Structures are given as C-alpha cells and as structure tokens.
Amino acid sequence: MMSNTPLQNADNLHIYFNINMRLNKSANPVHRGREKKKLALLLAARYGFVSAITCQAIWQIRRHKVLESLNRIVKEGLLTIATTDRAADGRIYVLTHSGAQFAAELMRVDIPFRSAREPITQVNQNAIMHDSILSFVLSQGLQNKTKDGIPKPLWSAYLTEIEFKRIHSSSAVKNVDALVQLDNGEVAALELEASFKRKTQHEKTILKLRDAMLGENKLYDKVFIIPCSQKINNDTQRYYKQLLEEMPCRYDRKTKLPLLSNDDADRLREKIIFRTKFIEPIEQTFYR
C-alpha cells in the first residue's frame, strides 16, 4: 500500500525524473543519429561517463555500429575516449566542456564540469565497473518487455547516485546507487550488490534503510536490491533474513531499546525487495 508521507525534496527529484532516457526509434537515419547522440550525452552527464556496453543494450545494434556512432560524437568534440582496464570493454567516454554544455541544455540542469589533462581522471576509477553495471541495469529496466515483446518498464524514470548526492548532501543520509520512479507514484531506491559483505555491514545498511523509509524524514518508499551474481544473491538474502529475525531481540547499548521493533522488521520485509532478473544479463555482459 502506498504511503501518504511526502518524500523529502520531492520537487528536486522530479527535475531528474522528468529527463527522458528512452530511445525514440525513428525510420529516419538523421533522426536516429540525433537521438543516439542525445542519449549518449545524457548518460555521460548523469553517470560521469558513458560506456559502449550500455549504448549497445539501449540501441540494440551491433557493437561496431555503436563504436562508429560514439566515435562520430567524439569527432564533434562532445565526448572524449578514456582507455582503462577498469571497464569491461577497456574504454569509456567522458564529456568535453562543449559536451557538458550541450547535455546541460538537454537536461535543463546545471552540470558541474572539471576539466583535466587526462580524461580518465574526471571519473572515480574505482567505481567504473559498478557504475557501468548500474547504467546498464537502469536502462534495461526502462526498456523491459514481456516475452511477447510488449513494453513493460520496471520503472518510468530514475535519478543516479551523483544526482542523489546533490539533493541530499548531508553526511547523515545514506547514499543509494539510484532512485527509480514507479508507475504507481512510489519511489524506490536501487542498490547494487556487486560483492560479498560481512553480516555487520548488512546490519548497518538495514538500520539506515529503516531510517530512510520508516523515519520522519522519508527519502523513498521501498528498496530494490540488485545482486550481480547468484552466489552474492544467496549470501545477501540469507543475511537479511537472519538479521530481520535477530535484530528485534538484540538491544542497543545506549538506548536500551531493541535494534529494530518487530513492527519495523515486518515492514522492512515488505519494503526490501530482491530483483534477480538482472543476474544473468550482468554476468553475461560484464563477467564472461
């Protein structure tokens, strides 16, 4: 059931939710080229870079054609290539100053731009694989279809981690990988689980999720956890099940209260949702 509690900074969320990240297919090759350029620049602006892998998943064309399209945008001076072993296919594309200005006009949102002699230093290199998978998942969710090929998006729009940090700059707020807007008007956080974590790490996450979804300063209505492998999925689900059973029976040393109330544990079981449909595509695309 949808909560009537308003979300913090709801107006700012919708600025980003109103950015159209769908590819409008056209029979006209000129229009197709413009749409691909627009989407490539928006992806680069919203994630810090764009990968050929994500573009191929959205455009549904062969890789060499994707590279041709991206290289044309490079020749226009809007993107530049950064080679890196951190990317699954060895390269990413980042905005030039002109590209950032163009993307800002498309988004109608100011884009902070930091020029650098080496393009790769414009991005957080430790997050390249994570953010590549994230852009892939969010794009695939927008394009989701039934087995019969009928469009059935998992979400209608999204906001990236970079954008979330701009809206919620307080260190007290747990960063999330993305927020997505659902058809029923709810907003869900999206969290990638790309590595194995200790039980204590998951416990801290559960407490922060409780504050974000059940506290007075509500940030989102539910959370989708996206495991990047079946083993990580099994491990994470096992810990979450254990913790939601154990935490109401354990007490905080300072407050002398349970870490979680039974009611909060029940509500979190409903609001924390594991989405496993992306495991196979992620493994085939990024880890084969």
Protein backbone atom coordinates (compact mmCIF):
# COMPACT_ATOMS: atom_id res chain seq x y z
CA MET A 1 0.00 0.00 0.00
CA MET A 2 1.38 3.41 -0.94
CA SER A 3 2.27 5.70 1.95
CA ASN A 4 0.90 9.24 2.07
CA THR A 5 4.02 10.53 3.83
CA PRO A 6 5.66 13.04 1.48
CA LEU A 7 9.25 12.42 0.42
CA GLN A 8 12.00 14.87 1.26
CA ASN A 9 12.99 17.14 -1.64
CA ALA A 10 10.23 15.70 -3.84
CA ASP A 11 10.32 18.69 -6.20
CA ASN A 12 14.04 18.23 -6.80
CA LEU A 13 13.52 14.54 -7.51
CA HIS A 14 11.05 15.30 -10.26
CA ILE A 15 13.51 17.60 -12.02
CA TYR A 16 15.57 14.49 -12.70
CA PHE A 17 12.61 12.14 -13.15
CA ASN A 18 11.43 14.37 -16.00
CA ILE A 19 14.58 13.70 -18.05
CA ASN A 20 13.61 11.35 -20.86
CA MET A 21 16.14 8.49 -21.05
CA ARG A 22 14.24 6.40 -23.60
CA LEU A 23 15.45 5.99 -27.16
CA ASN A 24 12.84 7.26 -29.58
CA LYS A 25 13.26 4.98 -32.59
CA SER A 26 12.82 6.58 -35.97
CA ALA A 27 12.86 5.32 -39.54
CA ASN A 28 14.77 8.44 -40.48
CA PRO A 29 18.56 7.84 -40.12
CA VAL A 30 19.22 11.51 -39.36
CA HIS A 31 16.69 11.46 -36.51
CA ARG A 32 18.14 8.17 -35.24
CA GLY A 33 21.60 9.70 -35.14
CA ARG A 34 20.35 12.73 -33.20
CA GLU A 35 18.55 10.53 -30.68
CA LYS A 36 21.63 8.36 -30.11
CA LYS A 37 23.81 11.43 -29.64
CA LYS A 38 21.33 12.94 -27.21
CA LEU A 39 21.11 9.78 -25.14
CA ALA A 40 24.89 9.22 -25.11
CA LEU A 41 25.45 12.75 -23.79
CA LEU A 42 22.72 12.37 -21.15
CA LEU A 43 24.22 9.09 -19.96
CA ALA A 44 27.70 10.65 -19.76
CA ALA A 45 26.33 13.61 -17.82
CA ARG A 46 24.29 11.56 -15.36
CA TYR A 47 26.87 8.87 -14.56
CA GLY A 48 30.11 10.72 -15.21
CA PHE A 49 30.79 8.65 -18.34
CA VAL A 50 29.05 6.51 -20.93
CA SER A 51 30.05 3.01 -22.00
CA ALA A 52 29.58 1.32 -25.35
CA ILE A 53 28.10 -1.65 -23.47
CA THR A 54 25.18 0.39 -22.16
CA CYS A 55 24.63 2.09 -25.52
CA GLN A 56 24.56 -1.29 -27.26
CA ALA A 57 21.95 -2.55 -24.79
CA ILE A 58 19.75 0.50 -25.43
CA TRP A 59 20.27 0.94 -29.15
CA GLN A 60 20.05 -2.80 -29.92
CA ILE A 61 22.62 -2.64 -32.72
CA ARG A 62 25.93 -4.39 -33.30
CA ARG A 63 28.96 -3.25 -31.32
CA HIS A 64 30.92 -1.92 -34.30
CA LYS A 65 27.93 0.28 -35.17
CA VAL A 66 27.81 1.53 -31.56
CA LEU A 67 31.51 2.42 -31.71
CA GLU A 68 31.00 4.21 -35.03
CA SER A 69 28.21 6.30 -33.51
CA LEU A 70 30.23 7.16 -30.39
CA ASN A 71 33.30 7.99 -32.44
CA ARG A 72 31.24 10.45 -34.51
CA ILE A 73 30.28 12.21 -31.27
CA VAL A 74 33.97 12.26 -30.32
CA LYS A 75 34.83 13.88 -33.66
CA GLU A 76 32.20 16.54 -32.96
CA GLY A 77 34.13 17.43 -29.82
CA LEU A 78 31.37 16.44 -27.38
CA LEU A 79 32.91 13.27 -25.94
CA THR A 80 36.45 12.05 -25.47
CA ILE A 81 37.71 8.48 -25.13
CA ALA A 82 39.38 7.26 -21.94
CA THR A 83 41.00 3.84 -22.07
CA THR A 84 41.03 1.87 -18.82
CA ASP A 85 41.34 -1.69 -17.60
CA ARG A 86 38.61 -0.89 -15.07
CA ALA A 87 35.97 -1.04 -17.83
CA ALA A 88 34.72 -4.42 -19.01
CA ASP A 89 35.47 -3.50 -22.63
CA GLY A 90 38.56 -1.37 -21.97
CA ARG A 91 37.16 2.10 -22.64
CA ILE A 92 34.68 4.71 -21.52
CA TYR A 93 33.62 8.07 -22.97
CA VAL A 94 33.54 11.26 -20.90
CA LEU A 95 32.14 14.68 -21.67
CA THR A 96 34.21 17.51 -23.03
CA HIS A 97 33.39 21.06 -21.91
CA SER A 98 31.25 21.50 -25.04
CA GLY A 99 29.56 18.17 -24.39
CA ALA A 100 28.76 19.17 -20.81
CA GLN A 101 27.19 22.42 -22.02
CA PHE A 102 25.14 20.55 -24.61
CA ALA A 103 23.99 17.97 -22.02
CA ALA A 104 23.05 20.74 -19.57
CA GLU A 105 20.83 22.29 -22.26
CA LEU A 106 19.18 18.91 -22.91
CA MET A 107 18.61 18.24 -19.21
CA ARG A 108 17.85 21.84 -18.23
CA VAL A 109 20.02 21.12 -15.20
CA ASP A 110 23.42 22.64 -14.42
CA ILE A 111 26.23 20.09 -14.81
CA PRO A 112 29.41 20.69 -12.79
CA PHE A 113 32.39 20.18 -15.09
CA ARG A 114 36.01 19.70 -14.10
CA SER A 115 38.48 19.79 -16.96
CA ALA A 116 41.50 17.51 -16.77
CA ARG A 117 44.52 16.81 -18.97
CA GLU A 118 43.82 13.07 -18.73
CA PRO A 119 40.11 12.32 -19.35
CA ILE A 120 40.19 9.23 -17.11
CA THR A 121 40.89 11.43 -14.08
CA GLN A 122 37.47 13.06 -14.49
CA VAL A 123 35.79 9.96 -13.10
CA ASN A 124 36.08 7.84 -9.97
CA GLN A 125 38.11 4.99 -11.44
CA ASN A 126 37.25 2.64 -8.57
CA ALA A 127 33.56 2.90 -9.47
CA ILE A 128 33.79 2.39 -13.24
CA MET A 129 32.65 -1.24 -13.25
CA HIS A 130 29.97 -0.58 -10.62
CA ASP A 131 28.59 2.45 -12.47
CA SER A 132 28.74 0.68 -15.84
CA ILE A 133 26.56 -2.11 -14.42
CA LEU A 134 24.27 0.46 -12.82
CA SER A 135 23.70 2.36 -16.07
CA PHE A 136 23.08 -0.98 -17.82
CA VAL A 137 20.51 -2.09 -15.21
CA LEU A 138 18.66 1.22 -15.08
CA SER A 139 18.48 1.38 -18.88
CA GLN A 140 17.33 -2.22 -19.17
CA GLY A 141 14.62 -1.57 -16.57
CA LEU A 142 13.30 1.30 -18.67
CA GLN A 143 13.28 -0.92 -21.76
CA ASN A 144 11.85 -4.04 -20.12
CA LYS A 145 9.42 -6.04 -22.27
CA THR A 146 7.19 -9.07 -21.90
CA LYS A 147 8.04 -12.34 -23.64
CA ASP A 148 5.76 -11.18 -26.46
CA GLY A 149 7.79 -8.00 -26.96
CA ILE A 150 5.22 -5.69 -25.36
CA PRO A 151 6.86 -2.81 -23.43
CA LYS A 152 6.57 -3.31 -19.67
CA PRO A 153 9.02 -0.92 -17.97
CA LEU A 154 10.07 -1.78 -14.41
CA TRP A 155 10.29 1.96 -13.70
CA SER A 156 9.39 5.10 -15.62
CA ALA A 157 12.37 7.30 -14.71
CA TYR A 158 15.42 7.40 -12.48
CA LEU A 159 17.90 9.51 -10.57
CA THR A 160 21.58 8.49 -10.31
CA GLU A 161 23.85 8.39 -7.28
CA ILE A 162 25.63 11.56 -8.44
CA GLU A 163 22.27 13.37 -8.58
CA PHE A 164 21.14 11.90 -5.24
CA LYS A 165 24.24 13.34 -3.57
CA ARG A 166 23.47 16.78 -5.00
CA ILE A 167 19.99 16.69 -3.48
CA HIS A 168 20.89 15.01 -0.19
CA SER A 169 24.30 16.44 0.67
CA SER A 170 24.12 15.66 4.41
CA SER A 171 26.61 13.04 5.60
CA ALA A 172 23.85 11.65 7.82
CA VAL A 173 21.95 10.41 4.75
CA LYS A 174 22.94 7.01 3.35
CA ASN A 175 23.83 7.31 -0.30
CA VAL A 176 21.98 4.98 -2.65
CA ASP A 177 23.00 3.83 -6.11
CA ALA A 178 19.84 5.25 -7.68
CA LEU A 179 16.22 6.18 -7.14
CA VAL A 180 13.57 4.99 -9.58
CA GLN A 181 10.03 6.23 -10.12
CA LEU A 182 7.37 3.52 -10.30
CA ASP A 183 4.11 3.65 -12.23
CA ASN A 184 2.05 3.84 -9.02
CA GLY A 185 3.84 7.03 -7.99
CA GLU A 186 6.14 5.40 -5.45
CA VAL A 187 9.87 5.99 -5.41
CA ALA A 188 12.22 3.06 -4.85
CA ALA A 189 15.92 3.12 -4.02
CA LEU A 190 18.08 0.79 -6.07
CA GLU A 191 21.16 -0.82 -4.56
CA LEU A 192 23.64 -2.96 -6.49
CA GLU A 193 25.20 -5.83 -4.56
CA ALA A 194 28.37 -6.48 -6.53
CA SER A 195 30.49 -8.05 -3.79
CA PHE A 196 30.23 -10.19 -0.68
CA LYS A 197 29.77 -8.26 2.58
CA ARG A 198 30.07 -9.08 6.25
CA LYS A 199 26.97 -9.54 8.35
CA THR A 200 27.77 -6.38 10.34
CA GLN A 201 27.82 -4.37 7.11
CA HIS A 202 24.35 -5.60 6.19
CA GLU A 203 23.14 -4.77 9.72
CA LYS A 204 24.26 -1.15 9.34
CA THR A 205 22.56 -0.98 5.95
CA ILE A 206 19.27 -2.29 7.38
CA LEU A 207 19.29 0.37 10.09
CA LYS A 208 19.94 3.11 7.54
CA LEU A 209 17.21 1.76 5.27
CA ARG A 210 14.81 1.80 8.21
CA ASP A 211 15.59 5.46 8.86
CA ALA A 212 15.21 6.33 5.16
CA MET A 213 11.90 4.53 4.65
CA LEU A 214 10.22 4.45 8.07
CA GLY A 215 11.60 7.53 9.79
CA GLU A 216 10.20 11.05 9.90
CA ASN A 217 12.45 12.24 7.08
CA LYS A 218 11.32 9.76 4.45
CA LEU A 219 13.54 9.52 1.35
CA TYR A 220 11.89 6.68 -0.59
CA ASP A 221 9.11 4.10 -0.29
CA LYS A 222 10.97 0.81 -0.84
CA VAL A 223 14.32 -0.55 -1.98
CA PHE A 224 15.25 -2.89 -4.82
CA ILE A 225 18.41 -4.89 -4.21
CA ILE A 226 20.09 -5.98 -7.45
CA PRO A 227 22.59 -8.82 -6.90
CA CYS A 228 25.30 -9.17 -9.53
CA SER A 229 25.69 -12.93 -9.14
CA GLN A 230 23.65 -15.84 -7.84
CA LYS A 231 26.16 -16.53 -5.05
CA ILE A 232 26.03 -12.91 -3.87
CA ASN A 233 22.23 -13.07 -4.04
CA ASN A 234 22.09 -16.22 -1.90
CA ASP A 235 24.56 -14.82 0.63
CA THR A 236 22.85 -11.43 0.92
CA GLN A 237 19.33 -12.83 1.21
CA ARG A 238 20.50 -15.26 3.92
CA TYR A 239 21.98 -12.42 6.00
CA TYR A 240 18.94 -10.20 5.59
CA LYS A 241 16.62 -12.99 6.70
CA GLN A 242 18.77 -13.72 9.75
CA LEU A 243 19.12 -10.07 10.72
CA LEU A 244 15.44 -9.22 10.42
CA GLU A 245 14.74 -12.10 12.79
CA GLU A 246 17.58 -11.36 15.22
CA MET A 247 17.62 -7.57 15.48
CA PRO A 248 14.27 -7.20 17.35
CA CYS A 249 15.77 -9.50 20.03
CA ARG A 250 19.01 -7.53 20.41
CA TYR A 251 19.35 -4.27 22.30
CA ASP A 252 21.21 -1.05 21.65
CA ARG A 253 23.68 -0.43 24.49
CA LYS A 254 22.99 3.30 24.62
CA THR A 255 19.20 3.43 24.30
CA LYS A 256 18.49 0.03 25.90
CA LEU A 257 15.90 -0.47 23.14
CA PRO A 258 15.73 -3.24 20.51
CA LEU A 259 17.80 -2.54 17.39
CA LEU A 260 14.56 -2.97 15.44
CA SER A 261 10.98 -3.17 16.62
CA ASN A 262 9.01 -6.21 15.47
CA ASP A 263 6.74 -3.87 13.51
CA ASP A 264 9.69 -2.25 11.73
CA ALA A 265 11.15 -5.66 10.92
CA ASP A 266 7.85 -6.74 9.35
CA ARG A 267 7.58 -3.55 7.34
CA LEU A 268 11.17 -3.88 6.11
CA ARG A 269 10.49 -7.43 4.93
CA GLU A 270 7.84 -5.95 2.65
CA LYS A 271 9.89 -2.97 1.52
CA ILE A 272 13.25 -4.65 0.85
CA ILE A 273 12.83 -6.45 -2.48
CA PHE A 274 15.45 -8.57 -4.23
CA ARG A 275 15.30 -8.28 -8.03
CA THR A 276 17.14 -11.25 -9.51
CA LYS A 277 16.16 -10.88 -13.17
CA PHE A 278 19.37 -8.94 -13.92
CA ILE A 279 21.81 -11.56 -12.60
CA GLU A 280 22.18 -13.47 -15.87
CA PRO A 281 22.44 -10.37 -18.13
CA ILE A 282 25.02 -8.80 -15.78
CA GLU A 283 27.14 -11.95 -15.68
CA GLN A 284 26.98 -12.45 -19.46
CA THR A 285 27.72 -8.80 -20.26
CA PHE A 286 30.34 -7.89 -17.67
CA TYR A 287 31.92 -11.05 -16.29
CA ARG A 288 32.10 -13.60 -19.09
